[in-house]
Amino acid sequence: MASKWLAAHAEEVQAHSAKVLEDATPPPLETILAREGEHWRPSDETVDRDLLTARDPILLYDELRLYDSELEDNGLASLTVKVRVMPRCWYVLMRFFVRVDGVLVRVRDVRLFCRFDGRDFADRVLRETTHFERPLAGQPHASRAYKDADASAAVLQASAPDHVNLYLVERLNLS
């Protein structure tokens, strides 16, 4: 009986399914973040690390673990987001980390930074994207130096630019 109904209404069911899928598909992130006519553009500016390391009080800090896997005892994969708000700026770090033991280590960082301690700065957000990757083949004990995402990022940043596949700074104007 259900198969007869489905056969009679197949076109209607297919149209409804397509509409549900279309409604459930989120718009691209750039559409959400940018107003019409505004986009991320390449920039020569950098994230002000001196401001981030200043002794200002941290008004809000949180770390969200969005994904963790031990890759069936063959390594580690994680996706984390760290958020920090200080009196003169806010900062977000999203880090994707993969270590496949004896094969490779990969870190993908996206940093968002906005300073608001002066009139010239509050009108833009900087996005810094960095991709690190290092093969571990033929180095059986190298995985020890890359035990987690933060340690791996520190080791790879110290050896930069050797293992940097991408470094890009972009700016989104808000005004």
Foldseek 3Di string as FASTA:
>chain_A
DVVVVCVVCVVVVVVVVVVVVVVPDDDDPQPVPADPPWGWAFDPDDADVCVVPDPFDWPDKDKDWPDWDCPVVQWIWTWMKIWTDGPFKIKIKIWTWTDGQQFKIKIWIWMKMFTHPDPVTNFKIKIKIWIFMDTRHPPRPVCVQPRDRVSVVVVRVVVPPPGIPDITMIMTGRD
